[in-house]
Amino acid sequence: VQLQASGGGSVQAGGSLTLSCTASGFIFRTKTMGWYRQAPEKEREWVATITRDGNTNYADSVKGRFTIDRSNAKNTVYLQMNSLEPEDTAVYYCNAPLSMYSWGRGTLVTVSS
């Protein structure tokens, strides 16, 4: 199984970024997928989930600002992040929460005030 996130970068507060995570090694379309993040010196936390049917759920801290989406044709899950805040600074990862594969490559998002 490989999970490779990309699309991170440095933005100012209020800016936007779109992250992508491409998966391989399992049947992507059958899995609920999620985004997670780990800020410096903090535990990894859940951010958002999308089921195989497209139902979504968000952590309260990102609700209304982030949107999770997926392309089963591309084995890719996306995270559109708007109105970014310094507190969103973290390394972002994707995974399948009901399977919890080994964590793959994350992507760093840095939001400056």
Protein backbone atom coordinates (compact mmCIF):
# COMPACT_ATOMS: atom_id res chain seq x y z
CA VAL A 1 0.00 0.00 0.00
CA GLN A 2 1.22 3.47 -0.87
CA LEU A 3 -0.31 6.77 0.18
CA GLN A 4 1.36 9.86 -1.22
CA ALA A 5 0.13 13.32 -0.36
CA SER A 6 1.13 16.42 -2.31
CA GLY A 7 0.14 20.02 -2.84
CA GLY A 8 1.34 21.59 0.37
CA GLY A 9 3.16 24.88 0.58
CA SER A 10 3.47 28.17 2.38
CA VAL A 11 0.56 30.61 2.35
CA GLN A 12 -0.58 33.63 4.28
CA ALA A 13 -3.58 33.51 6.58
CA GLY A 14 -6.77 33.66 4.57
CA GLY A 15 -5.23 31.86 1.63
CA SER A 16 -6.15 28.58 -0.01
CA LEU A 17 -4.48 25.33 -0.96
CA THR A 18 -5.65 22.09 -2.50
CA LEU A 19 -4.02 18.88 -1.37
CA SER A 20 -4.05 15.59 -3.25
CA CYS A 21 -3.33 12.10 -2.04
CA THR A 22 -2.87 9.24 -4.47
CA ALA A 23 -3.35 5.70 -3.21
CA SER A 24 -2.27 2.33 -4.53
CA GLY A 25 -2.19 -1.25 -3.34
CA PHE A 26 -5.84 -1.59 -2.42
CA ILE A 27 -9.24 -1.19 -4.05
CA PHE A 28 -9.62 2.54 -3.54
CA ARG A 29 -13.24 2.86 -4.60
CA THR A 30 -14.38 0.52 -1.82
CA LYS A 31 -12.72 2.47 0.99
CA THR A 32 -13.71 5.38 3.15
CA MET A 33 -10.80 7.82 2.93
CA GLY A 34 -9.68 10.47 5.36
CA TRP A 35 -7.29 13.34 5.83
CA TYR A 36 -5.25 13.75 8.99
CA ARG A 37 -2.70 16.28 10.14
CA GLN A 38 0.10 16.56 12.64
CA ALA A 39 1.20 19.94 13.87
CA PRO A 40 4.65 20.46 15.40
CA GLU A 41 4.91 18.79 18.82
CA LYS A 42 1.28 17.65 18.69
CA GLU A 43 -0.51 14.36 18.16
CA ARG A 44 -1.82 13.48 14.73
CA GLU A 45 -5.48 14.43 14.45
CA TRP A 46 -8.34 13.61 12.13
CA VAL A 47 -9.44 16.35 9.72
CA ALA A 48 -12.07 14.98 7.34
CA THR A 49 -13.57 11.78 5.95
CA ILE A 50 -15.33 10.82 2.74
CA THR A 51 -17.12 7.50 2.35
CA ARG A 52 -17.12 5.44 -0.82
CA ASP A 53 -20.57 6.91 -1.52
CA GLY A 54 -19.32 10.47 -1.15
CA ASN A 55 -20.69 11.26 2.30
CA THR A 56 -18.42 13.65 4.15
CA ASN A 57 -17.62 14.53 7.73
CA TYR A 58 -15.32 17.20 9.16
CA ALA A 59 -13.59 18.09 12.38
CA ASP A 60 -15.18 21.12 13.99
CA SER A 61 -11.95 23.10 13.57
CA VAL A 62 -12.15 22.93 9.76
CA LYS A 63 -15.89 22.72 9.13
CA GLY A 64 -17.00 25.33 6.63
CA ARG A 65 -13.43 26.00 5.46
CA PHE A 66 -12.21 22.64 4.14
CA THR A 67 -13.82 20.36 1.55
CA ILE A 68 -12.88 16.73 1.00
CA ASP A 69 -13.52 15.06 -2.34
CA ARG A 70 -12.39 12.00 -4.23
CA SER A 71 -11.84 10.63 -7.71
CA ASN A 72 -12.19 6.88 -7.82
CA ALA A 73 -11.00 6.93 -11.43
CA LYS A 74 -7.71 8.46 -10.28
CA ASN A 75 -7.43 6.69 -6.90
CA THR A 76 -7.06 10.14 -5.40
CA VAL A 77 -8.57 12.00 -2.46
CA TYR A 78 -8.47 15.80 -2.31
CA LEU A 79 -8.66 18.41 0.39
CA GLN A 80 -9.61 21.92 -0.64
CA MET A 81 -8.56 24.28 2.14
CA ASN A 82 -9.87 27.84 2.24
CA SER A 83 -9.57 30.63 4.80
CA LEU A 84 -6.42 29.05 6.14
CA GLU A 85 -5.31 29.97 9.64
CA PRO A 86 -1.89 29.68 11.32
CA GLU A 87 -3.40 26.89 13.43
CA ASP A 88 -3.74 24.82 10.24
CA THR A 89 0.04 24.58 9.96
CA ALA A 90 0.86 20.87 9.95
CA VAL A 91 1.96 17.92 7.89
CA TYR A 92 -1.12 16.49 6.19
CA TYR A 93 -1.62 12.79 5.47
CA CYS A 94 -4.31 10.62 4.02
CA ASN A 95 -5.37 7.13 5.04
CA ALA A 96 -8.30 4.74 5.00
CA PRO A 97 -9.68 5.03 8.53
CA LEU A 98 -11.34 1.60 8.63
CA SER A 99 -8.12 -0.08 7.48
CA MET A 100 -5.43 2.28 8.79
CA TYR A 101 -2.57 1.41 6.52
CA SER A 102 0.97 2.47 7.30
CA TRP A 103 1.29 6.23 7.03
CA GLY A 104 2.69 7.34 3.73
CA ARG A 105 4.27 10.55 2.61
CA GLY A 106 2.70 13.66 4.05
CA THR A 107 2.73 17.18 2.69
CA LEU A 108 3.64 20.24 4.74
CA VAL A 109 1.27 23.18 4.97
CA THR A 110 2.62 26.35 6.56
CA VAL A 111 0.26 29.26 7.21
CA SER A 112 1.78 32.55 8.27
CA SER A 113 -0.11 35.36 10.00
